[in-house]
C-alpha cells in the first residue's frame, strides 16, 4: 500500500510544479508524461523497466 502512495504523492508535487511553471503544449505533455509514469509505476509494480 505504501509503495503505491509514495509515487502518487510525488506525482502530485510534480503536477503542481508543472502547472505553475510550464505553459501551453509543454505543460500538457509534461502532465501526460507524469500521469502515465505514475500509472505504470502503481499498476505494473515498480516502474516502466521492472
N, C-alpha and C. Protein backbone atom coordinates (compact mmCIF):
# COMPACT_ATOMS: atom_id res chain seq x y z
N UNK A 1 0.83 -1.20 0.00
CA UNK A 1 0.00 0.00 0.00
C UNK A 1 0.87 1.26 0.00
N UNK A 2 1.88 1.28 0.86
CA UNK A 2 2.78 2.43 0.92
C UNK A 2 3.52 2.60 -0.41
N UNK A 3 3.83 1.48 -1.07
CA UNK A 3 4.52 1.54 -2.35
C UNK A 3 3.68 2.22 -3.41
N UNK A 4 2.38 2.25 -3.24
CA UNK A 4 1.50 2.92 -4.19
C UNK A 4 1.26 4.38 -3.81
N UNK A 5 1.35 4.70 -2.54
CA UNK A 5 1.08 6.07 -2.09
C UNK A 5 2.24 7.00 -2.41
N UNK A 6 3.47 6.54 -2.23
CA UNK A 6 4.64 7.39 -2.44
C UNK A 6 4.71 7.94 -3.86
N UNK A 7 4.60 7.11 -4.91
CA UNK A 7 4.65 7.69 -6.25
C UNK A 7 3.49 8.64 -6.55
N UNK A 8 2.35 8.40 -5.95
CA UNK A 8 1.22 9.30 -6.14
C UNK A 8 1.50 10.65 -5.51
N UNK A 9 2.09 10.66 -4.32
CA UNK A 9 2.45 11.92 -3.68
C UNK A 9 3.51 12.68 -4.49
N UNK A 10 4.48 11.94 -5.01
CA UNK A 10 5.50 12.56 -5.86
C UNK A 10 4.84 13.15 -7.10
N UNK A 11 3.89 12.42 -7.67
CA UNK A 11 3.18 12.91 -8.86
C UNK A 11 2.41 14.19 -8.56
N UNK A 12 1.79 14.26 -7.41
CA UNK A 12 1.04 15.47 -7.04
C UNK A 12 1.98 16.68 -6.98
N UNK A 13 3.15 16.48 -6.40
CA UNK A 13 4.13 17.57 -6.31
C UNK A 13 4.60 17.97 -7.70
N UNK A 14 4.91 16.98 -8.55
CA UNK A 14 5.36 17.27 -9.91
C UNK A 14 4.28 17.94 -10.73
N UNK A 15 3.03 17.52 -10.55
CA UNK A 15 1.92 18.14 -11.28
C UNK A 15 1.75 19.60 -10.85
N UNK A 16 1.82 19.85 -9.56
CA UNK A 16 1.71 21.23 -9.07
C UNK A 16 2.83 22.10 -9.64
N UNK A 17 4.04 21.54 -9.67
CA UNK A 17 5.18 22.28 -10.23
C UNK A 17 4.97 22.57 -11.71
N UNK A 18 4.58 21.55 -12.47
CA UNK A 18 4.35 21.72 -13.90
C UNK A 18 3.24 22.72 -14.16
N UNK A 19 2.20 22.66 -13.35
CA UNK A 19 1.04 23.54 -13.53
C UNK A 19 1.42 25.00 -13.35
N UNK A 20 2.30 25.28 -12.37
CA UNK A 20 2.68 26.66 -12.06
C UNK A 20 3.77 27.18 -12.99
N UNK A 21 4.70 26.34 -13.40
CA UNK A 21 5.89 26.80 -14.10
C UNK A 21 5.76 26.72 -15.62
N UNK A 22 5.18 25.64 -16.12
CA UNK A 22 5.15 25.42 -17.56
C UNK A 22 3.90 26.05 -18.19
N UNK A 23 3.98 26.25 -19.51
CA UNK A 23 2.87 26.88 -20.23
C UNK A 23 2.60 26.13 -21.53
N UNK A 24 1.36 26.20 -21.99
CA UNK A 24 0.98 25.70 -23.31
C UNK A 24 1.11 24.20 -23.47
N UNK A 25 1.55 23.81 -24.67
CA UNK A 25 1.64 22.40 -25.03
C UNK A 25 2.68 21.68 -24.19
N UNK A 26 3.72 22.39 -23.75
CA UNK A 26 4.75 21.78 -22.91
C UNK A 26 4.14 21.34 -21.58
N UNK A 27 3.24 22.15 -21.03
CA UNK A 27 2.55 21.78 -19.79
C UNK A 27 1.73 20.52 -20.00
N UNK A 28 1.00 20.47 -21.10
CA UNK A 28 0.15 19.32 -21.39
C UNK A 28 0.98 18.05 -21.53
N UNK A 29 2.06 18.13 -22.27
CA UNK A 29 2.93 16.97 -22.45
C UNK A 29 3.53 16.53 -21.12
N UNK A 30 3.99 17.48 -20.32
CA UNK A 30 4.58 17.14 -19.02
C UNK A 30 3.56 16.46 -18.12
N UNK A 31 2.33 16.96 -18.10
CA UNK A 31 1.30 16.36 -17.25
C UNK A 31 0.97 14.94 -17.70
N UNK A 32 0.88 14.73 -19.01
CA UNK A 32 0.59 13.39 -19.53
C UNK A 32 1.72 12.42 -19.18
N UNK A 33 2.96 12.87 -19.33
CA UNK A 33 4.11 12.01 -19.01
C UNK A 33 4.14 11.67 -17.53
N UNK A 34 3.89 12.65 -16.67
CA UNK A 34 3.89 12.41 -15.22
C UNK A 34 2.80 11.39 -14.87
N UNK A 35 1.59 11.60 -15.36
CA UNK A 35 0.49 10.70 -15.02
C UNK A 35 0.70 9.30 -15.59
N UNK A 36 1.22 9.19 -16.80
CA UNK A 36 1.47 7.87 -17.39
C UNK A 36 2.54 7.12 -16.62
N UNK A 37 3.58 7.83 -16.20
CA UNK A 37 4.66 7.20 -15.45
C UNK A 37 4.17 6.70 -14.10
N UNK A 38 3.39 7.50 -13.41
CA UNK A 38 2.87 7.08 -12.11
C UNK A 38 1.89 5.92 -12.26
N UNK A 39 1.05 5.97 -13.28
CA UNK A 39 0.12 4.86 -13.51
C UNK A 39 0.88 3.57 -13.77
N UNK A 40 1.91 3.63 -14.58
CA UNK A 40 2.72 2.44 -14.86
C UNK A 40 3.39 1.95 -13.58
N UNK A 41 3.89 2.87 -12.78
CA UNK A 41 4.57 2.50 -11.53
C UNK A 41 3.61 1.78 -10.59
N UNK A 42 2.42 2.33 -10.42
CA UNK A 42 1.45 1.78 -9.47
C UNK A 42 0.86 0.47 -9.99
N UNK A 43 0.45 0.44 -11.24
CA UNK A 43 -0.27 -0.73 -11.74
C UNK A 43 0.62 -1.88 -12.19
N UNK A 44 1.85 -1.56 -12.60
CA UNK A 44 2.73 -2.63 -13.07
C UNK A 44 3.84 -2.94 -12.09
N UNK A 45 3.79 -2.38 -10.90
CA UNK A 45 4.66 -2.78 -9.81
C UNK A 45 6.10 -2.36 -9.89
N UNK A 46 6.38 -1.09 -9.81
CA UNK A 46 7.74 -0.66 -9.62
C UNK A 46 8.38 0.09 -10.75
N UNK A 47 7.68 0.40 -11.79
CA UNK A 47 8.27 1.25 -12.81
C UNK A 47 8.15 0.67 -14.21
N UNK A 48 8.61 1.46 -15.14
CA UNK A 48 8.49 1.09 -16.54
C UNK A 48 9.47 -0.01 -16.92
N UNK A 49 10.64 -0.04 -16.29
CA UNK A 49 11.65 -1.01 -16.66
C UNK A 49 11.61 -2.30 -15.85
N UNK A 50 10.76 -2.35 -14.84
CA UNK A 50 10.76 -3.51 -13.95
C UNK A 50 9.86 -4.62 -14.45
